[in-house]
Amino acid sequence: MQRLIAYVVGVLFAAGLVLGGMANPAKVLAFLDIAGLWDPSLACVMGAAVAIGLIGFGIAKKRKSALLGVPMQLPVARVVDARLVLGSLTFGIGWGLAGFCPGPAIVLAGLLNGKALVFVLAMLAGMWLFAVLERQKNK
């Protein structure tokens, strides 16, 4: 049952990304082009997502378990450190250069979009490199 629900939620998320324009790199790049032909429409999509997230996290904080009975696991870190800032900058630079962030890139890679496939492979390589460096650091 958990896998079925995860699948349905994933499909719903992918549909939302596509319908909201988040999977269109040209639209994303136009949103990021604040000095040129700025397209503010994605701000509404992101604003709605943040509002829904705030409501969802507010409800989740009050629960001990998820709706399927598994323990609730919410983020607990509150520190803004160099790793967070560097990661955020890396994410933003990648998003600005490619017009993709991970969710939409995976959706488009599933549709065999060549640029998205390259992005996802680069993202996976970066995740692998991070894991290797973390293991080295923790030895």
N, C-alpha and C. Protein backbone atom coordinates (compact mmCIF):
# COMPACT_ATOMS: atom_id res chain seq x y z
N MET A 1 0.82 -1.19 0.00
CA MET A 1 0.00 0.00 0.00
C MET A 1 0.87 1.26 0.00
N GLN A 2 1.98 1.24 0.78
CA GLN A 2 2.84 2.42 0.82
C GLN A 2 3.44 2.73 -0.55
N ARG A 3 3.81 1.70 -1.28
CA ARG A 3 4.38 1.92 -2.62
C ARG A 3 3.34 2.49 -3.58
N LEU A 4 2.14 2.03 -3.49
CA LEU A 4 1.07 2.54 -4.35
C LEU A 4 0.81 4.01 -4.05
N ILE A 5 0.74 4.35 -2.78
CA ILE A 5 0.52 5.75 -2.41
C ILE A 5 1.70 6.61 -2.83
N ALA A 6 2.93 6.10 -2.66
CA ALA A 6 4.12 6.84 -3.09
C ALA A 6 4.07 7.07 -4.60
N TYR A 7 3.65 6.07 -5.35
CA TYR A 7 3.53 6.20 -6.80
C TYR A 7 2.49 7.26 -7.17
N VAL A 8 1.33 7.20 -6.54
CA VAL A 8 0.26 8.15 -6.85
C VAL A 8 0.70 9.58 -6.50
N VAL A 9 1.35 9.75 -5.35
CA VAL A 9 1.83 11.08 -4.96
C VAL A 9 2.90 11.56 -5.93
N GLY A 10 3.78 10.66 -6.38
CA GLY A 10 4.81 11.02 -7.37
C GLY A 10 4.20 11.47 -8.68
N VAL A 11 3.19 10.76 -9.14
CA VAL A 11 2.50 11.14 -10.38
C VAL A 11 1.80 12.49 -10.20
N LEU A 12 1.17 12.70 -9.07
CA LEU A 12 0.51 13.98 -8.78
C LEU A 12 1.54 15.11 -8.76
N PHE A 13 2.69 14.87 -8.13
CA PHE A 13 3.75 15.88 -8.07
C PHE A 13 4.26 16.20 -9.48
N ALA A 14 4.50 15.16 -10.28
CA ALA A 14 4.97 15.37 -11.65
C ALA A 14 3.95 16.15 -12.47
N ALA A 15 2.68 15.81 -12.32
CA ALA A 15 1.63 16.53 -13.05
C ALA A 15 1.59 17.99 -12.62
N GLY A 16 1.75 18.24 -11.33
CA GLY A 16 1.76 19.61 -10.83
C GLY A 16 2.94 20.41 -11.39
N LEU A 17 4.10 19.77 -11.47
CA LEU A 17 5.27 20.44 -12.04
C LEU A 17 5.03 20.81 -13.50
N VAL A 18 4.47 19.88 -14.25
CA VAL A 18 4.22 20.13 -15.68
C VAL A 18 3.14 21.20 -15.85
N LEU A 19 2.02 21.05 -15.15
CA LEU A 19 0.92 22.02 -15.28
C LEU A 19 1.32 23.41 -14.78
N GLY A 20 2.19 23.47 -13.76
CA GLY A 20 2.62 24.74 -13.22
C GLY A 20 3.72 25.41 -14.03
N GLY A 21 4.23 24.72 -15.04
CA GLY A 21 5.29 25.29 -15.88
C GLY A 21 6.69 25.09 -15.33
N MET A 22 6.82 24.41 -14.19
CA MET A 22 8.14 24.22 -13.57
C MET A 22 9.02 23.26 -14.38
N ALA A 23 8.43 22.47 -15.25
CA ALA A 23 9.20 21.53 -16.06
C ALA A 23 9.58 22.12 -17.42
N ASN A 24 9.31 23.40 -17.61
CA ASN A 24 9.66 24.07 -18.86
C ASN A 24 10.88 24.95 -18.60
N PRO A 25 12.08 24.51 -19.02
CA PRO A 25 13.29 25.28 -18.73
C PRO A 25 13.23 26.72 -19.25
N ALA A 26 12.58 26.94 -20.38
CA ALA A 26 12.48 28.30 -20.91
C ALA A 26 11.67 29.19 -19.97
N LYS A 27 10.62 28.66 -19.40
CA LYS A 27 9.79 29.41 -18.47
C LYS A 27 10.56 29.69 -17.18
N VAL A 28 11.30 28.70 -16.70
CA VAL A 28 12.12 28.86 -15.50
C VAL A 28 13.18 29.93 -15.72
N LEU A 29 13.88 29.86 -16.86
CA LEU A 29 14.92 30.83 -17.15
C LEU A 29 14.33 32.24 -17.30
N ALA A 30 13.11 32.34 -17.88
CA ALA A 30 12.45 33.65 -17.99
C ALA A 30 12.09 34.18 -16.61
N PHE A 31 11.73 33.29 -15.69
CA PHE A 31 11.44 33.70 -14.31
C PHE A 31 12.71 34.22 -13.63
N LEU A 32 13.83 33.58 -13.91
CA LEU A 32 15.09 33.99 -13.28
C LEU A 32 15.72 35.22 -13.93
N ASP A 33 15.24 35.62 -15.10
CA ASP A 33 15.79 36.76 -15.84
C ASP A 33 15.14 38.06 -15.37
N ILE A 34 15.45 38.47 -14.14
CA ILE A 34 14.79 39.65 -13.57
C ILE A 34 15.24 40.95 -14.22
N ALA A 35 16.38 40.93 -14.91
CA ALA A 35 16.86 42.16 -15.56
C ALA A 35 16.42 42.23 -17.03
N GLY A 36 15.79 41.19 -17.52
CA GLY A 36 15.38 41.16 -18.93
C GLY A 36 13.88 41.02 -19.06
N LEU A 37 13.46 40.00 -19.78
CA LEU A 37 12.04 39.74 -20.00
C LEU A 37 11.51 38.84 -18.89
N TRP A 38 11.38 39.39 -17.70
CA TRP A 38 11.00 38.61 -16.53
C TRP A 38 9.58 38.09 -16.64
N ASP A 39 9.41 36.79 -16.33
CA ASP A 39 8.10 36.15 -16.30
C ASP A 39 7.80 35.79 -14.85
N PRO A 40 6.95 36.55 -14.17
CA PRO A 40 6.71 36.32 -12.74
C PRO A 40 5.73 35.18 -12.44
N SER A 41 5.23 34.50 -13.45
CA SER A 41 4.17 33.51 -13.21
C SER A 41 4.60 32.37 -12.29
N LEU A 42 5.87 31.99 -12.31
CA LEU A 42 6.30 30.90 -11.44
C LEU A 42 6.33 31.32 -9.98
N ALA A 43 6.38 32.62 -9.72
CA ALA A 43 6.32 33.09 -8.33
C ALA A 43 4.99 32.67 -7.69
N CYS A 44 3.93 32.68 -8.46
CA CYS A 44 2.62 32.24 -7.95
C CYS A 44 2.65 30.75 -7.64
N VAL A 45 3.25 29.98 -8.53
CA VAL A 45 3.36 28.53 -8.31
C VAL A 45 4.17 28.26 -7.05
N MET A 46 5.31 28.93 -6.92
CA MET A 46 6.16 28.71 -5.75
C MET A 46 5.50 29.22 -4.48
N GLY A 47 4.81 30.36 -4.57
CA GLY A 47 4.11 30.88 -3.41
C GLY A 47 3.03 29.92 -2.93
N ALA A 48 2.29 29.35 -3.86
CA ALA A 48 1.26 28.37 -3.49
C ALA A 48 1.90 27.13 -2.86
N ALA A 49 3.03 26.69 -3.42
CA ALA A 49 3.72 25.52 -2.87
C ALA A 49 4.21 25.79 -1.45
N VAL A 50 4.75 26.98 -1.21
CA VAL A 50 5.22 27.33 0.13
C VAL A 50 4.04 27.38 1.11
N ALA A 51 2.93 27.98 0.70
CA ALA A 51 1.76 28.06 1.57
C ALA A 51 1.24 26.68 1.92
N ILE A 52 1.13 25.81 0.93
CA ILE A 52 0.66 24.44 1.18
C ILE A 52 1.65 23.71 2.08
N GLY A 53 2.95 23.92 1.83
CA GLY A 53 3.98 23.29 2.67
C GLY A 53 3.90 23.74 4.11
N LEU A 54 3.69 25.04 4.33
CA LEU A 54 3.56 25.55 5.70
C LEU A 54 2.38 24.91 6.42
N ILE A 55 1.28 24.79 5.73
CA ILE A 55 0.10 24.15 6.33
C ILE A 55 0.41 22.68 6.62
N GLY A 56 0.99 21.99 5.64
CA GLY A 56 1.30 20.57 5.81
C GLY A 56 2.28 20.32 6.95
N PHE A 57 3.35 21.12 7.02
CA PHE A 57 4.31 20.95 8.11
C PHE A 57 3.70 21.32 9.45
N GLY A 58 2.82 22.32 9.47
CA GLY A 58 2.14 22.68 10.72
C GLY A 58 1.31 21.53 11.25
N ILE A 59 0.62 20.84 10.35
CA ILE A 59 -0.17 19.67 10.75
C ILE A 59 0.75 18.52 11.14
N ALA A 60 1.80 18.29 10.35
CA ALA A 60 2.70 17.17 10.60
C ALA A 60 3.42 17.29 11.94
N LYS A 61 3.77 18.51 12.33
CA LYS A 61 4.47 18.71 13.61
C LYS A 61 3.66 18.22 14.80
N LYS A 62 2.37 18.23 14.66
CA LYS A 62 1.49 17.83 15.76
C LYS A 62 1.25 16.33 15.81
N ARG A 63 1.73 15.61 14.80
CA ARG A 63 1.48 14.17 14.71
C ARG A 63 2.70 13.36 15.12
N LYS A 64 2.47 12.18 15.66
CA LYS A 64 3.56 11.26 16.01
C LYS A 64 3.86 10.31 14.85
N SER A 65 2.84 10.06 14.01
CA SER A 65 3.04 9.15 12.88
C SER A 65 2.32 9.70 11.65
N ALA A 66 2.78 9.23 10.50
CA ALA A 66 2.16 9.62 9.23
C ALA A 66 0.82 8.91 9.08
N LEU A 67 0.07 9.28 8.06
CA LEU A 67 -1.25 8.69 7.85
C LEU A 67 -1.19 7.18 7.64
N LEU A 68 -0.06 6.68 7.14
CA LEU A 68 0.09 5.24 6.92
C LEU A 68 0.67 4.52 8.14
N GLY A 69 0.87 5.25 9.24
CA GLY A 69 1.32 4.63 10.47
C GLY A 69 2.83 4.61 10.69
N VAL A 70 3.62 5.04 9.72
CA VAL A 70 5.07 5.07 9.91
C VAL A 70 5.43 6.28 10.76
N PRO A 71 6.53 6.19 11.53
CA PRO A 71 6.91 7.33 12.39
C PRO A 71 7.17 8.59 11.57
N MET A 72 6.75 9.72 12.12
CA MET A 72 6.96 11.01 11.47
C MET A 72 8.44 11.37 11.59
N GLN A 73 9.06 11.72 10.48
CA GLN A 73 10.47 12.10 10.46
C GLN A 73 10.60 13.47 9.80
N LEU A 74 10.59 14.51 10.61
CA LEU A 74 10.70 15.87 10.11
C LEU A 74 12.11 16.39 10.33
N PRO A 75 12.56 17.31 9.48
CA PRO A 75 13.89 17.89 9.67
C PRO A 75 13.98 18.60 11.03
N VAL A 76 15.15 18.50 11.65
CA VAL A 76 15.33 19.14 12.96
C VAL A 76 16.44 20.19 12.94
N ALA A 77 17.26 20.22 11.91
CA ALA A 77 18.38 21.17 11.85
C ALA A 77 17.85 22.60 11.77
N ARG A 78 18.47 23.48 12.51
CA ARG A 78 18.08 24.89 12.51
C ARG A 78 19.27 25.81 12.23
N VAL A 79 20.44 25.25 12.01
CA VAL A 79 21.66 26.03 11.86
C VAL A 79 21.89 26.38 10.38
N VAL A 80 22.19 27.64 10.13
CA VAL A 80 22.61 28.06 8.79
C VAL A 80 24.13 28.08 8.82
N ASP A 81 24.73 27.07 8.18
CA ASP A 81 26.18 26.96 8.20
C ASP A 81 26.72 27.03 6.77
N ALA A 82 28.04 26.92 6.65
CA ALA A 82 28.69 27.03 5.34
C ALA A 82 28.19 25.96 4.37
N ARG A 83 27.95 24.74 4.86
CA ARG A 83 27.46 23.66 3.99
C ARG A 83 26.10 24.00 3.40
N LEU A 84 25.22 24.55 4.23
CA LEU A 84 23.89 24.92 3.75
C LEU A 84 23.98 26.04 2.72
N VAL A 85 24.77 27.05 3.01
CA VAL A 85 24.91 28.19 2.09
C VAL A 85 25.55 27.73 0.79
N LEU A 86 26.63 26.94 0.86
CA LEU A 86 27.29 26.45 -0.35
C LEU A 86 26.36 25.56 -1.17
N GLY A 87 25.62 24.70 -0.49
CA GLY A 87 24.66 23.84 -1.20
C GLY A 87 23.57 24.64 -1.87
N SER A 88 23.07 25.66 -1.18
CA SER A 88 22.03 26.52 -1.76
C SER A 88 22.54 27.29 -2.97
N LEU A 89 23.76 27.80 -2.85
CA LEU A 89 24.37 28.51 -3.99
C LEU A 89 24.57 27.58 -5.18
N THR A 90 25.04 26.37 -4.90
CA THR A 90 25.26 25.39 -5.97
C THR A 90 23.94 25.06 -6.66
N PHE A 91 22.91 24.83 -5.85
CA PHE A 91 21.58 24.54 -6.40
C PHE A 91 21.10 25.70 -7.26
N GLY A 92 21.19 26.92 -6.75
CA GLY A 92 20.72 28.09 -7.49
C GLY A 92 21.48 28.32 -8.78
N ILE A 93 22.79 28.15 -8.74
CA ILE A 93 23.60 28.31 -9.95
C ILE A 93 23.22 27.27 -10.99
N GLY A 94 23.09 26.02 -10.55
CA GLY A 94 22.68 24.95 -11.48
C GLY A 94 21.31 25.21 -12.07
N TRP A 95 20.39 25.68 -11.23
CA TRP A 95 19.04 25.97 -11.69
C TRP A 95 19.07 27.10 -12.71
N GLY A 96 19.85 28.12 -12.42
CA GLY A 96 19.94 29.27 -13.32
C GLY A 96 20.61 28.94 -14.64
N LEU A 97 21.62 28.09 -14.61
CA LEU A 97 22.33 27.74 -15.84
C LEU A 97 21.52 26.78 -16.71
N ALA A 98 20.88 25.81 -16.08
CA ALA A 98 20.21 24.76 -16.85
C ALA A 98 18.71 24.99 -17.01
N GLY A 99 18.10 25.71 -16.07
CA GLY A 99 16.65 25.87 -16.12
C GLY A 99 15.93 24.67 -15.54
N PHE A 100 16.68 23.77 -14.90
CA PHE A 100 16.10 22.58 -14.28
C PHE A 100 16.40 22.58 -12.80
N CYS A 101 15.49 22.09 -12.01
CA CYS A 101 15.81 21.67 -10.66
C CYS A 101 15.47 20.17 -10.62
N PRO A 102 15.86 19.47 -9.56
CA PRO A 102 15.78 18.00 -9.60
C PRO A 102 14.42 17.41 -9.97
N GLY A 103 13.34 17.87 -9.35
CA GLY A 103 12.03 17.27 -9.65
C GLY A 103 11.64 17.36 -11.11
N PRO A 104 11.59 18.57 -11.67
CA PRO A 104 11.25 18.69 -13.08
C PRO A 104 12.24 17.98 -14.00
N ALA A 105 13.51 17.97 -13.65
CA ALA A 105 14.50 17.28 -14.49
C ALA A 105 14.20 15.79 -14.55
N ILE A 106 13.82 15.21 -13.42
CA ILE A 106 13.49 13.77 -13.41
C ILE A 106 12.23 13.52 -14.23
N VAL A 107 11.25 14.41 -14.12
CA VAL A 107 10.03 14.27 -14.93
C VAL A 107 10.39 14.30 -16.41
N LEU A 108 11.18 15.29 -16.81
CA LEU A 108 11.54 15.42 -18.23
C LEU A 108 12.48 14.30 -18.69
N ALA A 109 13.36 13.83 -17.81
CA ALA A 109 14.23 12.70 -18.17
C ALA A 109 13.37 11.46 -18.43
N GLY A 110 12.31 11.31 -17.64
CA GLY A 110 11.38 10.20 -17.87
C GLY A 110 10.67 10.31 -19.20
N LEU A 111 10.59 11.53 -19.73
CA LEU A 111 10.00 11.74 -21.06
C LEU A 111 11.08 11.74 -22.15
N LEU A 112 12.30 11.34 -21.76
CA LEU A 112 13.46 11.21 -22.65
C LEU A 112 13.92 12.54 -23.26
N ASN A 113 13.79 13.61 -22.49
CA ASN A 113 14.33 14.90 -22.89
C ASN A 113 15.85 14.84 -22.73
N GLY A 114 16.59 15.06 -23.82
CA GLY A 114 18.04 14.90 -23.81
C GLY A 114 18.76 15.79 -22.81
N LYS A 115 18.39 17.06 -22.74
CA LYS A 115 19.03 17.98 -21.80
C LYS A 115 18.74 17.58 -20.36
N ALA A 116 17.53 17.14 -20.11
CA ALA A 116 17.17 16.70 -18.76
C ALA A 116 17.93 15.43 -18.38
N LEU A 117 18.12 14.53 -19.34
CA LEU A 117 18.89 13.31 -19.06
C LEU A 117 20.32 13.66 -18.67
N VAL A 118 20.92 14.60 -19.39
CA VAL A 118 22.29 15.03 -19.06
C VAL A 118 22.30 15.67 -17.67
N PHE A 119 21.31 16.50 -17.38
CA PHE A 119 21.22 17.15 -16.07
C PHE A 119 21.11 16.11 -14.96
N VAL A 120 20.22 15.12 -15.14
CA VAL A 120 20.01 14.10 -14.11
C VAL A 120 21.29 13.28 -13.92
N LEU A 121 21.97 12.94 -15.00
CA LEU A 121 23.23 12.20 -14.86
C LEU A 121 24.27 13.03 -14.12
N ALA A 122 24.36 14.32 -14.42
CA ALA A 122 25.29 15.20 -13.71
C ALA A 122 24.89 15.32 -12.24
N MET A 123 23.60 15.41 -11.97
CA MET A 123 23.12 15.50 -10.60
C MET A 123 23.47 14.22 -9.82
N LEU A 124 23.26 13.07 -10.44
CA LEU A 124 23.60 11.81 -9.78
C LEU A 124 25.10 11.70 -9.54
N ALA A 125 25.90 12.16 -10.51
CA ALA A 125 27.36 12.16 -10.32
C ALA A 125 27.75 13.06 -9.15
N GLY A 126 27.12 14.20 -9.05
CA GLY A 126 27.38 15.10 -7.93
C GLY A 126 26.98 14.49 -6.60
N MET A 127 25.86 13.81 -6.57
CA MET A 127 25.41 13.15 -5.34
C MET A 127 26.39 12.04 -4.95
N TRP A 128 26.85 11.29 -5.94
CA TRP A 128 27.82 10.22 -5.68
C TRP A 128 29.12 10.81 -5.15
N LEU A 129 29.60 11.87 -5.78
CA LEU A 129 30.84 12.52 -5.33
C LEU A 129 30.70 13.04 -3.90
N PHE A 130 29.57 13.63 -3.58
CA PHE A 130 29.32 14.10 -2.22
C PHE A 130 29.39 12.93 -1.24
N ALA A 131 28.74 11.82 -1.58
CA ALA A 131 28.75 10.65 -0.68
C ALA A 131 30.18 10.14 -0.47
N VAL A 132 30.96 10.09 -1.54
CA VAL A 132 32.36 9.66 -1.43
C VAL A 132 33.14 10.58 -0.53
N LEU A 133 33.00 11.88 -0.73
CA LEU A 133 33.73 12.86 0.08
C LEU A 133 33.28 12.81 1.55
N GLU A 134 32.01 12.58 1.79
CA GLU A 134 31.52 12.46 3.16
C GLU A 134 32.11 11.23 3.85
N ARG A 135 32.18 10.11 3.12
CA ARG A 135 32.78 8.88 3.70
C ARG A 135 34.25 9.14 4.02
N GLN A 136 34.96 9.82 3.12
CA GLN A 136 36.38 10.13 3.35
C GLN A 136 36.53 11.01 4.58
N LYS A 137 35.67 11.99 4.72
CA LYS A 137 35.74 12.93 5.83
C LYS A 137 35.46 12.26 7.16
N ASN A 138 34.57 11.28 7.17
CA ASN A 138 34.15 10.62 8.40
C ASN A 138 35.02 9.44 8.80
N LYS A 139 36.07 9.18 8.04
CA LYS A 139 36.97 8.06 8.38
C LYS A 139 37.89 8.42 9.49
